[in-house]
Amino acid sequence: MARTKKLTPEKPQFSIHSVTLTTEEVGALEQLSRDASDFLGRSISSSAVIRALLRQVVKQGPPAADALFIEVERELKAGVRWGKQQ
């Protein structure tokens, strides 16, 4: 009897990045991580939450991206500047 080979999904390649967050944003990220952990029944990292947020914005398309850009614009108007102006 022939056996079928089990396919194992490929693990994605990860790269390490640092982010700059306010104390309030760190609190929100930690709360989301705790809520996700409670919901899923296992420990969920802040990195997993950030990756899920990125995927969710991409899935929702232009309206979600526009909402994201409006938040970035609010931050810029508040005087928070990182990086170079184009």
C-alpha atoms as a PDB file:
ATOM      1  CA  MET A   1       0.000   0.000   0.000  1.00  0.00           C
ATOM      2  CA  ALA A   2       1.433   3.384  -1.015  1.00  0.00           C
ATOM      3  CA  ARG A   3       1.817   6.012   1.633  1.00  0.00           C
ATOM      4  CA  THR A   4       1.201   9.664   0.980  1.00  0.00           C
ATOM      5  CA  LYS A   5       3.799  12.126   2.118  1.00  0.00           C
ATOM      6  CA  LYS A   6       2.573  14.546   4.773  1.00  0.00           C
ATOM      7  CA  LEU A   7       3.037  18.145   3.741  1.00  0.00           C
ATOM      8  CA  THR A   8       4.314  20.438   6.425  1.00  0.00           C
ATOM      9  CA  PRO A   9       3.617  24.128   5.954  1.00  0.00           C
ATOM     10  CA  GLU A  10       6.676  26.293   5.421  1.00  0.00           C
ATOM     11  CA  LYS A  11       7.539  28.547   8.307  1.00  0.00           C
ATOM     12  CA  PRO A  12       7.734  32.207   7.328  1.00  0.00           C
ATOM     13  CA  GLN A  13      11.048  34.022   7.408  1.00  0.00           C
ATOM     14  CA  PHE A  14      11.213  36.585  10.196  1.00  0.00           C
ATOM     15  CA  SER A  15      13.305  39.706  10.508  1.00  0.00           C
ATOM     16  CA  ILE A  16      13.881  41.596  13.716  1.00  0.00           C
ATOM     17  CA  HIS A  17      12.879  45.255  13.979  1.00  0.00           C
ATOM     18  CA  SER A  18      12.710  47.705  16.810  1.00  0.00           C
ATOM     19  CA  VAL A  19       9.767  50.043  17.190  1.00  0.00           C
ATOM     20  CA  THR A  20       9.305  53.222  19.166  1.00  0.00           C
ATOM     21  CA  LEU A  21       6.123  53.354  21.228  1.00  0.00           C
ATOM     22  CA  THR A  22       4.697  55.683  23.832  1.00  0.00           C
ATOM     23  CA  THR A  23       3.899  54.382  27.291  1.00  0.00           C
ATOM     24  CA  GLU A  24       0.205  54.455  26.365  1.00  0.00           C
ATOM     25  CA  GLU A  25       0.822  52.419  23.198  1.00  0.00           C
ATOM     26  CA  VAL A  26       2.896  49.876  25.121  1.00  0.00           C
ATOM     27  CA  GLY A  27      -0.005  49.503  27.543  1.00  0.00           C
ATOM     28  CA  ALA A  28      -2.469  49.021  24.694  1.00  0.00           C
ATOM     29  CA  LEU A  29      -0.204  46.436  23.035  1.00  0.00           C
ATOM     30  CA  GLU A  30       0.257  44.554  26.309  1.00  0.00           C
ATOM     31  CA  GLN A  31      -3.523  44.580  26.876  1.00  0.00           C
ATOM     32  CA  LEU A  32      -4.148  43.242  23.363  1.00  0.00           C
ATOM     33  CA  SER A  33      -1.565  40.528  23.991  1.00  0.00           C
ATOM     34  CA  ARG A  34      -3.248  39.553  27.278  1.00  0.00           C
ATOM     35  CA  ASP A  35      -6.696  39.584  25.659  1.00  0.00           C
ATOM     36  CA  ALA A  36      -5.437  37.424  22.772  1.00  0.00           C
ATOM     37  CA  SER A  37      -3.849  35.037  25.290  1.00  0.00           C
ATOM     38  CA  ASP A  38      -7.124  34.750  27.193  1.00  0.00           C
ATOM     39  CA  PHE A  39      -9.097  34.288  23.968  1.00  0.00           C
ATOM     40  CA  LEU A  40      -6.782  31.647  22.490  1.00  0.00           C
ATOM     41  CA  GLY A  41      -5.796  29.885  25.710  1.00  0.00           C
ATOM     42  CA  ARG A  42      -2.049  30.241  25.176  1.00  0.00           C
ATOM     43  CA  SER A  43       0.555  32.955  25.569  1.00  0.00           C
ATOM     44  CA  ILE A  44       0.530  35.459  22.676  1.00  0.00           C
ATOM     45  CA  SER A  45       3.464  37.819  22.168  1.00  0.00           C
ATOM     46  CA  SER A  46       3.304  41.488  21.308  1.00  0.00           C
ATOM     47  CA  SER A  47       5.058  40.651  18.040  1.00  0.00           C
ATOM     48  CA  ALA A  48       2.257  38.247  17.107  1.00  0.00           C
ATOM     49  CA  VAL A  49      -0.297  40.980  17.811  1.00  0.00           C
ATOM     50  CA  ILE A  50       1.592  43.499  15.636  1.00  0.00           C
ATOM     51  CA  ARG A  51       1.874  40.977  12.781  1.00  0.00           C
ATOM     52  CA  ALA A  52      -1.869  40.261  13.033  1.00  0.00           C
ATOM     53  CA  LEU A  53      -2.662  43.986  12.990  1.00  0.00           C
ATOM     54  CA  LEU A  54      -0.590  44.438   9.833  1.00  0.00           C
ATOM     55  CA  ARG A  55      -2.260  41.482   8.115  1.00  0.00           C
ATOM     56  CA  GLN A  56      -5.691  42.783   9.122  1.00  0.00           C
ATOM     57  CA  VAL A  57      -5.054  46.231   7.611  1.00  0.00           C
ATOM     58  CA  VAL A  58      -3.797  44.639   4.383  1.00  0.00           C
ATOM     59  CA  LYS A  59      -6.850  42.326   4.195  1.00  0.00           C
ATOM     60  CA  GLN A  60      -9.295  45.188   4.750  1.00  0.00           C
ATOM     61  CA  GLY A  61      -7.736  47.138   1.896  1.00  0.00           C
ATOM     62  CA  PRO A  62      -7.698  50.870   1.142  1.00  0.00           C
ATOM     63  CA  PRO A  63     -10.286  52.003   3.735  1.00  0.00           C
ATOM     64  CA  ALA A  64      -8.269  50.460   6.559  1.00  0.00           C
ATOM     65  CA  ALA A  65      -5.008  51.790   5.126  1.00  0.00           C
ATOM     66  CA  ASP A  66      -6.524  55.271   4.848  1.00  0.00           C
ATOM     67  CA  ALA A  67      -7.630  55.105   8.501  1.00  0.00           C
ATOM     68  CA  LEU A  68      -4.078  54.106   9.406  1.00  0.00           C
ATOM     69  CA  PHE A  69      -2.620  57.002   7.415  1.00  0.00           C
ATOM     70  CA  ILE A  70      -4.978  59.451   9.171  1.00  0.00           C
ATOM     71  CA  GLU A  71      -3.582  58.249  12.510  1.00  0.00           C
ATOM     72  CA  VAL A  72      -0.035  58.775  11.218  1.00  0.00           C
ATOM     73  CA  GLU A  73      -1.023  62.284  10.089  1.00  0.00           C
ATOM     74  CA  ARG A  74      -2.409  63.058  13.574  1.00  0.00           C
ATOM     75  CA  GLU A  75       0.892  61.974  15.064  1.00  0.00           C
ATOM     76  CA  LEU A  76       2.835  64.207  12.664  1.00  0.00           C
ATOM     77  CA  LYS A  77       0.580  67.185  13.437  1.00  0.00           C
ATOM     78  CA  ALA A  78       1.193  66.558  17.145  1.00  0.00           C
ATOM     79  CA  GLY A  79       4.908  67.037  16.490  1.00  0.00           C
ATOM     80  CA  VAL A  80       6.097  63.435  16.594  1.00  0.00           C
ATOM     81  CA  ARG A  81       8.722  63.062  13.872  1.00  0.00           C
ATOM     82  CA  TRP A  82      10.902  60.077  13.074  1.00  0.00           C
ATOM     83  CA  GLY A  83      12.844  59.567   9.890  1.00  0.00           C
ATOM     84  CA  LYS A  84      13.425  61.953   7.028  1.00  0.00           C
ATOM     85  CA  GLN A  85      11.031  64.260   5.263  1.00  0.00           C
ATOM     86  CA  GLN A  86      10.723  63.488   1.542  1.00  0.00           C
END
